[in-house]
PDB file of all heavy atoms in Angstrom:
ATOM      1  N   ILE A   1     -21.189  38.533  -9.615  1.00  0.00           N
ATOM      2  CA  ILE A   1     -21.716  37.735 -10.670  1.00  0.00           C
ATOM      3  C   ILE A   1     -22.117  36.420 -10.243  1.00  0.00           C
ATOM      4  O   ILE A   1     -23.055  35.780 -10.405  1.00  0.00           O
ATOM      5  CB  ILE A   1     -20.819  37.778 -11.891  1.00  0.00           C
ATOM      6  CG1 ILE A   1     -20.749  39.152 -12.496  1.00  0.00           C
ATOM      7  CG2 ILE A   1     -21.362  36.878 -12.938  1.00  0.00           C
ATOM      8  CD1 ILE A   1     -19.536  39.393 -13.516  1.00  0.00           C
ATOM      9  N   ASP A   2     -21.095  35.726  -9.517  1.00  0.00           N
ATOM     10  CA  ASP A   2     -21.291  34.418  -8.980  1.00  0.00           C
ATOM     11  C   ASP A   2     -20.257  34.126  -7.925  1.00  0.00           C
ATOM     12  O   ASP A   2     -19.328  34.890  -7.719  1.00  0.00           O
ATOM     13  CB  ASP A   2     -20.987  33.472 -10.129  1.00  0.00           C
ATOM     14  CG  ASP A   2     -21.750  32.036  -9.876  1.00  0.00           C
ATOM     15  OD1 ASP A   2     -22.231  31.741  -8.805  1.00  0.00           O
ATOM     16  OD2 ASP A   2     -21.633  31.178 -10.810  1.00  0.00           O
ATOM     17  N   VAL A   3     -20.501  33.017  -7.146  1.00  0.00           N
ATOM     18  CA  VAL A   3     -19.565  32.597  -6.126  1.00  0.00           C
ATOM     19  C   VAL A   3     -19.415  31.107  -6.393  1.00  0.00           C
ATOM     20  O   VAL A   3     -20.466  30.343  -6.329  1.00  0.00           O
ATOM     21  CB  VAL A   3     -20.110  32.947  -4.782  1.00  0.00           C
ATOM     22  CG1 VAL A   3     -19.150  32.329  -3.583  1.00  0.00           C
ATOM     23  CG2 VAL A   3     -20.366  34.404  -4.500  1.00  0.00           C
ATOM     24  N   LEU A   4     -18.246  30.720  -6.560  1.00  0.00           N
ATOM     25  CA  LEU A   4     -17.915  29.332  -6.916  1.00  0.00           C
ATOM     26  C   LEU A   4     -17.353  28.608  -5.667  1.00  0.00           C
ATOM     27  O   LEU A   4     -16.492  29.201  -4.991  1.00  0.00           O
ATOM     28  CB  LEU A   4     -16.958  29.037  -7.987  1.00  0.00           C
ATOM     29  CG  LEU A   4     -17.330  29.636  -9.354  1.00  0.00           C
ATOM     30  CD1 LEU A   4     -16.236  29.463 -10.395  1.00  0.00           C
ATOM     31  CD2 LEU A   4     -18.699  29.149  -9.787  1.00  0.00           C
ATOM     32  N   THR A   5     -17.852  27.347  -5.375  1.00  0.00           N
ATOM     33  CA  THR A   5     -17.369  26.578  -4.299  1.00  0.00           C
ATOM     34  C   THR A   5     -17.256  25.088  -4.915  1.00  0.00           C
ATOM     35  O   THR A   5     -17.502  24.947  -6.012  1.00  0.00           O
ATOM     36  CB  THR A   5     -18.226  26.447  -3.035  1.00  0.00           C
ATOM     37  OG1 THR A   5     -19.495  25.765  -3.389  1.00  0.00           O
ATOM     38  CG2 THR A   5     -18.459  27.837  -2.541  1.00  0.00           C
ATOM     39  N   ALA A   6     -16.771  24.106  -4.135  1.00  0.00           N
ATOM     40  CA  ALA A   6     -16.764  22.764  -4.587  1.00  0.00           C
ATOM     41  C   ALA A   6     -18.109  22.214  -5.039  1.00  0.00           C
ATOM     42  O   ALA A   6     -18.222  21.362  -5.812  1.00  0.00           O
ATOM     43  CB  ALA A   6     -16.162  21.885  -3.536  1.00  0.00           C
ATOM     44  N   LYS A   7     -19.192  22.935  -4.546  1.00  0.00           N
ATOM     45  CA  LYS A   7     -20.485  22.397  -4.832  1.00  0.00           C
ATOM     46  C   LYS A   7     -21.008  22.932  -6.145  1.00  0.00           C
ATOM     47  O   LYS A   7     -21.886  22.257  -6.850  1.00  0.00           O
ATOM     48  CB  LYS A   7     -21.505  22.801  -3.840  1.00  0.00           C
ATOM     49  CG  LYS A   7     -21.229  22.114  -2.578  1.00  0.00           C
ATOM     50  CD  LYS A   7     -22.340  22.466  -1.464  1.00  0.00           C
ATOM     51  CE  LYS A   7     -22.156  21.547  -0.101  1.00  0.00           C
ATOM     52  NZ  LYS A   7     -23.206  21.826   0.796  1.00  0.00           N
ATOM     53  N   ASN A   8     -20.492  23.931  -6.634  1.00  0.00           N
ATOM     54  CA  ASN A   8     -20.948  24.475  -8.060  1.00  0.00           C
ATOM     55  C   ASN A   8     -19.907  24.744  -9.022  1.00  0.00           C
ATOM     56  O   ASN A   8     -20.269  25.299 -10.031  1.00  0.00           O
ATOM     57  CB  ASN A   8     -21.991  25.645  -7.874  1.00  0.00           C
ATOM     58  CG  ASN A   8     -21.164  26.864  -7.296  1.00  0.00           C
ATOM     59  OD1 ASN A   8     -19.995  26.725  -6.703  1.00  0.00           O
ATOM     60  ND2 ASN A   8     -21.770  28.053  -7.523  1.00  0.00           N
ATOM     61  N   ALA A   9     -18.788  24.468  -8.777  1.00  0.00           N
ATOM     62  CA  ALA A   9     -17.694  24.768  -9.713  1.00  0.00           C
ATOM     63  C   ALA A   9     -17.801  23.872 -10.991  1.00  0.00           C
ATOM     64  O   ALA A   9     -18.265  22.734 -10.846  1.00  0.00           O
ATOM     65  CB  ALA A   9     -16.271  24.657  -9.032  1.00  0.00           C
ATOM     66  N   PRO A  10     -17.399  24.292 -12.130  1.00  0.00           N
ATOM     67  CA  PRO A  10     -17.377  23.411 -13.386  1.00  0.00           C
ATOM     68  C   PRO A  10     -16.514  22.241 -13.135  1.00  0.00           C
ATOM     69  O   PRO A  10     -15.648  22.177 -12.358  1.00  0.00           O
ATOM     70  CB  PRO A  10     -16.802  24.395 -14.326  1.00  0.00           C
ATOM     71  CG  PRO A  10     -17.073  25.830 -13.968  1.00  0.00           C
ATOM     72  CD  PRO A  10     -17.050  25.699 -12.476  1.00  0.00           C
ATOM     73  N   LYS A  11     -16.984  21.293 -13.941  1.00  0.00           N
ATOM     74  CA  LYS A  11     -16.385  19.921 -13.660  1.00  0.00           C
ATOM     75  C   LYS A  11     -14.852  19.900 -14.131  1.00  0.00           C
ATOM     76  O   LYS A  11     -14.467  20.531 -15.057  1.00  0.00           O
ATOM     77  CB  LYS A  11     -17.094  18.865 -14.601  1.00  0.00           C
ATOM     78  CG  LYS A  11     -16.674  17.407 -14.407  1.00  0.00           C
ATOM     79  CD  LYS A  11     -17.430  16.579 -15.369  1.00  0.00           C
ATOM     80  CE  LYS A  11     -16.847  15.100 -15.255  1.00  0.00           C
ATOM     81  NZ  LYS A  11     -17.442  14.161 -16.161  1.00  0.00           N
ATOM     82  N   GLN A  12     -14.096  19.142 -13.226  1.00  0.00           N
ATOM     83  CA  GLN A  12     -12.668  19.037 -13.550  1.00  0.00           C
ATOM     84  C   GLN A  12     -12.274  17.618 -13.359  1.00  0.00           C
ATOM     85  O   GLN A  12     -12.966  16.747 -12.720  1.00  0.00           O
ATOM     86  CB  GLN A  12     -11.842  19.800 -12.577  1.00  0.00           C
ATOM     87  CG  GLN A  12     -12.129  21.288 -12.615  1.00  0.00           C
ATOM     88  CD  GLN A  12     -11.536  22.025 -11.492  1.00  0.00           C
ATOM     89  OE1 GLN A  12     -10.455  22.396 -11.392  1.00  0.00           O
ATOM     90  NE2 GLN A  12     -12.486  22.343 -10.391  1.00  0.00           N
ATOM     91  N   ASP A  13     -11.166  17.188 -14.121  1.00  0.00           N
ATOM     92  CA  ASP A  13     -10.697  15.758 -13.922  1.00  0.00           C
ATOM     93  C   ASP A  13      -9.897  15.729 -12.655  1.00  0.00           C
ATOM     94  O   ASP A  13      -8.804  16.391 -12.605  1.00  0.00           O
ATOM     95  CB  ASP A  13      -9.959  15.432 -15.206  1.00  0.00           C
ATOM     96  CG  ASP A  13      -9.338  14.006 -15.248  1.00  0.00           C
ATOM     97  OD1 ASP A  13      -9.475  13.368 -14.135  1.00  0.00           O
ATOM     98  OD2 ASP A  13      -9.081  13.449 -16.376  1.00  0.00           O
ATOM     99  N   THR A  14     -10.259  14.854 -11.892  1.00  0.00           N
ATOM    100  CA  THR A  14      -9.460  14.705 -10.616  1.00  0.00           C
ATOM    101  C   THR A  14      -8.682  13.473 -10.520  1.00  0.00           C
ATOM    102  O   THR A  14      -7.951  13.124  -9.578  1.00  0.00           O
ATOM    103  CB  THR A  14     -10.359  14.489  -9.365  1.00  0.00           C
ATOM    104  OG1 THR A  14     -11.322  13.479  -9.434  1.00  0.00           O
ATOM    105  CG2 THR A  14     -11.130  15.948  -9.149  1.00  0.00           C
ATOM    106  N   SER A  15      -8.613  12.568 -11.757  1.00  0.00           N
ATOM    107  CA  SER A  15      -7.914  11.395 -11.700  1.00  0.00           C
ATOM    108  C   SER A  15      -6.535  11.472 -12.548  1.00  0.00           C
ATOM    109  O   SER A  15      -5.752  10.635 -12.209  1.00  0.00           O
ATOM    110  CB  SER A  15      -8.775  10.351 -12.459  1.00  0.00           C
ATOM    111  OG  SER A  15      -9.154  10.836 -13.689  1.00  0.00           O
ATOM    112  N   SER A  16      -6.344  12.455 -13.330  1.00  0.00           N
ATOM    113  CA  SER A  16      -5.235  12.419 -14.174  1.00  0.00           C
ATOM    114  C   SER A  16      -3.965  13.078 -13.276  1.00  0.00           C
ATOM    115  O   SER A  16      -4.183  14.056 -12.571  1.00  0.00           O
ATOM    116  CB  SER A  16      -5.371  13.408 -15.423  1.00  0.00           C
ATOM    117  OG  SER A  16      -4.225  13.679 -16.107  1.00  0.00           O
ATOM    118  N   ASP A  17      -2.844  12.432 -13.481  1.00  0.00           N
ATOM    119  CA  ASP A  17      -1.733  12.877 -12.785  1.00  0.00           C
ATOM    120  C   ASP A  17      -1.240  14.282 -13.296  1.00  0.00           C
ATOM    121  O   ASP A  17      -0.598  15.184 -12.595  1.00  0.00           O
ATOM    122  CB  ASP A  17      -0.498  11.998 -13.009  1.00  0.00           C
ATOM    123  CG  ASP A  17      -0.726  10.586 -12.367  1.00  0.00           C
ATOM    124  OD1 ASP A  17      -1.508  10.684 -11.358  1.00  0.00           O
ATOM    125  OD2 ASP A  17      -0.015   9.706 -12.673  1.00  0.00           O
ATOM    126  N   ASP A  18      -1.661  14.749 -14.443  1.00  0.00           N
ATOM    127  CA  ASP A  18      -1.354  16.040 -15.047  1.00  0.00           C
ATOM    128  C   ASP A  18      -2.313  17.134 -14.527  1.00  0.00           C
ATOM    129  O   ASP A  18      -2.055  18.195 -14.725  1.00  0.00           O
ATOM    130  CB  ASP A  18      -1.327  15.916 -16.569  1.00  0.00           C
ATOM    131  CG  ASP A  18      -0.193  15.030 -17.120  1.00  0.00           C
ATOM    132  OD1 ASP A  18       1.022  14.993 -16.554  1.00  0.00           O
ATOM    133  OD2 ASP A  18      -0.415  14.334 -18.048  1.00  0.00           O
ATOM    134  N   ALA A  19      -3.517  16.674 -14.132  1.00  0.00           N
ATOM    135  CA  ALA A  19      -4.466  17.723 -13.733  1.00  0.00           C
ATOM    136  C   ALA A  19      -4.124  18.390 -12.414  1.00  0.00           C
ATOM    137  O   ALA A  19      -3.485  17.848 -11.569  1.00  0.00           O
ATOM    138  CB  ALA A  19      -5.886  17.061 -13.662  1.00  0.00           C
ATOM    139  N   ILE A  20      -4.580  19.501 -12.308  1.00  0.00           N
ATOM    140  CA  ILE A  20      -4.444  20.382 -11.119  1.00  0.00           C
ATOM    141  C   ILE A  20      -5.789  21.122 -10.754  1.00  0.00           C
ATOM    142  O   ILE A  20      -5.845  22.432 -10.702  1.00  0.00           O
ATOM    143  CB  ILE A  20      -3.236  21.440 -11.198  1.00  0.00           C
ATOM    144  CG1 ILE A  20      -3.454  22.140 -12.700  1.00  0.00           C
ATOM    145  CG2 ILE A  20      -1.961  20.897 -11.248  1.00  0.00           C
ATOM    146  CD1 ILE A  20      -2.442  23.287 -12.871  1.00  0.00           C
ATOM    147  N   PRO A  21      -6.742  20.329 -10.340  1.00  0.00           N
ATOM    148  CA  PRO A  21      -8.056  20.847 -10.173  1.00  0.00           C
ATOM    149  C   PRO A  21      -8.092  21.630  -8.884  1.00  0.00           C
ATOM    150  O   PRO A  21      -7.302  21.493  -7.821  1.00  0.00           O
ATOM    151  CB  PRO A  21      -8.975  19.444  -9.891  1.00  0.00           C
ATOM    152  CG  PRO A  21      -7.938  18.401  -9.510  1.00  0.00           C
ATOM    153  CD  PRO A  21      -6.624  18.768 -10.199  1.00  0.00           C
ATOM    154  N   GLN A  22      -9.052  22.677  -8.824  1.00  0.00           N
ATOM    155  CA  GLN A  22      -9.217  23.577  -7.769  1.00  0.00           C
ATOM    156  C   GLN A  22     -10.688  23.526  -7.364  1.00  0.00           C
ATOM    157  O   GLN A  22     -11.565  23.211  -8.137  1.00  0.00           O
ATOM    158  CB  GLN A  22      -8.796  24.919  -8.040  1.00  0.00           C
ATOM    159  CG  GLN A  22      -7.337  25.095  -8.480  1.00  0.00           C
ATOM    160  CD  GLN A  22      -6.412  24.849  -7.316  1.00  0.00           C
ATOM    161  OE1 GLN A  22      -6.558  25.287  -6.221  1.00  0.00           O
ATOM    162  NE2 GLN A  22      -5.445  24.089  -7.680  1.00  0.00           N
ATOM    163  N   LEU A  23     -10.937  23.782  -5.972  1.00  0.00           N
ATOM    164  CA  LEU A  23     -12.314  23.803  -5.462  1.00  0.00           C
ATOM    165  C   LEU A  23     -13.031  22.457  -5.728  1.00  0.00           C
ATOM    166  O   LEU A  23     -14.145  22.337  -6.349  1.00  0.00           O
ATOM    167  CB  LEU A  23     -13.218  25.000  -6.300  1.00  0.00           C
ATOM    168  CG  LEU A  23     -12.562  26.500  -6.165  1.00  0.00           C
ATOM    169  CD1 LEU A  23     -13.575  27.308  -6.802  1.00  0.00           C
ATOM    170  CD2 LEU A  23     -12.368  26.800  -4.715  1.00  0.00           C
ATOM    171  N   VAL A  24     -12.501  21.421  -5.374  1.00  0.00           N
ATOM    172  CA  VAL A  24     -12.948  20.110  -5.492  1.00  0.00           C
ATOM    173  C   VAL A  24     -12.959  19.305  -4.012  1.00  0.00           C
ATOM    174  O   VAL A  24     -11.885  19.478  -3.225  1.00  0.00           O
ATOM    175  CB  VAL A  24     -12.288  19.247  -6.496  1.00  0.00           C
ATOM    176  CG1 VAL A  24     -12.470  19.676  -7.821  1.00  0.00           C
ATOM    177  CG2 VAL A  24     -10.678  19.141  -6.106  1.00  0.00           C
ATOM    178  N   GLY A  25     -14.136  18.903  -3.663  1.00  0.00           N
ATOM    179  CA  GLY A  25     -14.250  18.148  -2.437  1.00  0.00           C
ATOM    180  C   GLY A  25     -14.294  19.092  -1.206  1.00  0.00           C
ATOM    181  O   GLY A  25     -14.159  20.394  -1.376  1.00  0.00           O
ATOM    182  N   ASP A  26     -14.294  18.433   0.031  1.00  0.00           N
ATOM    183  CA  ASP A  26     -14.434  19.200   1.205  1.00  0.00           C
ATOM    184  C   ASP A  26     -13.082  19.136   2.027  1.00  0.00           C
ATOM    185  O   ASP A  26     -12.994  19.719   3.222  1.00  0.00           O
ATOM    186  CB  ASP A  26     -15.477  18.736   2.087  1.00  0.00           C
ATOM    187  CG  ASP A  26     -15.340  17.287   2.524  1.00  0.00           C
ATOM    188  OD1 ASP A  26     -14.417  16.589   2.140  1.00  0.00           O
ATOM    189  OD2 ASP A  26     -16.235  16.854   3.307  1.00  0.00           O
ATOM    190  N   LYS A  27     -12.020  18.508   1.522  1.00  0.00           N
ATOM    191  CA  LYS A  27     -10.783  18.496   2.177  1.00  0.00           C
ATOM    192  C   LYS A  27      -9.839  19.655   2.227  1.00  0.00           C
ATOM    193  O   LYS A  27      -9.711  20.260   1.158  1.00  0.00           O
ATOM    194  CB  LYS A  27     -10.003  17.186   1.658  1.00  0.00           C
ATOM    195  CG  LYS A  27      -8.699  16.918   2.411  1.00  0.00           C
ATOM    196  CD  LYS A  27      -8.024  15.669   1.931  1.00  0.00           C
ATOM    197  CE  LYS A  27      -6.813  15.297   2.741  1.00  0.00           C
ATOM    198  NZ  LYS A  27      -6.156  14.130   2.262  1.00  0.00           N
ATOM    199  N   VAL A  28      -9.436  20.101   3.345  1.00  0.00           N
ATOM    200  CA  VAL A  28      -8.490  21.144   3.444  1.00  0.00           C
ATOM    201  C   VAL A  28      -7.153  20.624   3.704  1.00  0.00           C
ATOM    202  O   VAL A  28      -6.933  20.049   4.822  1.00  0.00           O
ATOM    203  CB  VAL A  28      -8.796  22.285   4.514  1.00  0.00           C
ATOM    204  CG1 VAL A  28      -7.765  23.406   4.589  1.00  0.00           C
ATOM    205  CG2 VAL A  28     -10.203  22.864   4.175  1.00  0.00           C
ATOM    206  N   ARG A  29      -6.190  20.796   2.808  1.00  0.00           N
ATOM    207  CA  ARG A  29      -4.807  20.156   2.933  1.00  0.00           C
ATOM    208  C   ARG A  29      -3.890  21.158   3.590  1.00  0.00           C
ATOM    209  O   ARG A  29      -3.015  20.607   4.329  1.00  0.00           O
ATOM    210  CB  ARG A  29      -4.323  19.827   1.624  1.00  0.00           C
ATOM    211  CG  ARG A  29      -5.164  18.782   0.883  1.00  0.00           C
ATOM    212  CD  ARG A  29      -4.489  18.419  -0.552  1.00  0.00           C
ATOM    213  NE  ARG A  29      -4.199  19.511  -1.269  1.00  0.00           N
ATOM    214  CZ  ARG A  29      -5.071  20.094  -2.068  1.00  0.00           C
ATOM    215  NH1 ARG A  29      -6.399  19.692  -2.194  1.00  0.00           N
ATOM    216  NH2 ARG A  29      -4.640  21.156  -2.805  1.00  0.00           N
ATOM    217  N   HIS A  30      -3.924  22.488   3.362  1.00  0.00           N
ATOM    218  CA  HIS A  30      -3.162  23.326   3.959  1.00  0.00           C
ATOM    219  C   HIS A  30      -3.861  24.702   4.176  1.00  0.00           C
ATOM    220  O   HIS A  30      -4.694  25.113   3.457  1.00  0.00           O
ATOM    221  CB  HIS A  30      -1.785  23.471   3.215  1.00  0.00           C
ATOM    222  CG  HIS A  30      -1.987  24.062   1.655  1.00  0.00           C
ATOM    223  ND1 HIS A  30      -2.275  25.475   1.474  1.00  0.00           N
ATOM    224  CD2 HIS A  30      -2.176  23.329   0.561  1.00  0.00           C
ATOM    225  CE1 HIS A  30      -2.397  25.584   0.208  1.00  0.00           C
ATOM    226  NE2 HIS A  30      -2.465  24.362  -0.398  1.00  0.00           N
ATOM    227  N   TYR A  31      -3.048  25.503   5.075  1.00  0.00           N
ATOM    228  CA  TYR A  31      -3.578  26.896   5.246  1.00  0.00           C
ATOM    229  C   TYR A  31      -3.465  27.626   3.890  1.00  0.00           C
ATOM    230  O   TYR A  31      -2.361  27.512   3.233  1.00  0.00           O
ATOM    231  CB  TYR A  31      -2.588  27.508   6.256  1.00  0.00           C
ATOM    232  CG  TYR A  31      -3.073  28.969   6.682  1.00  0.00           C
ATOM    233  CD1 TYR A  31      -3.910  29.174   7.866  1.00  0.00           C
ATOM    234  CD2 TYR A  31      -2.735  30.015   6.022  1.00  0.00           C
ATOM    235  CE1 TYR A  31      -4.262  30.415   8.223  1.00  0.00           C
ATOM    236  CE2 TYR A  31      -3.169  31.282   6.332  1.00  0.00           C
ATOM    237  CZ  TYR A  31      -3.875  31.538   7.462  1.00  0.00           C
ATOM    238  OH  TYR A  31      -4.312  32.737   7.789  1.00  0.00           O
TER     239      TYR A  31
END
């Protein structure tokens, strides 16, 4: 149906301490 990546994932809040966004940016933090 669809493939989501950081380029087309729905908008998320990346500034809130309570938020836990996924598929944002190009940084890989861990395996």
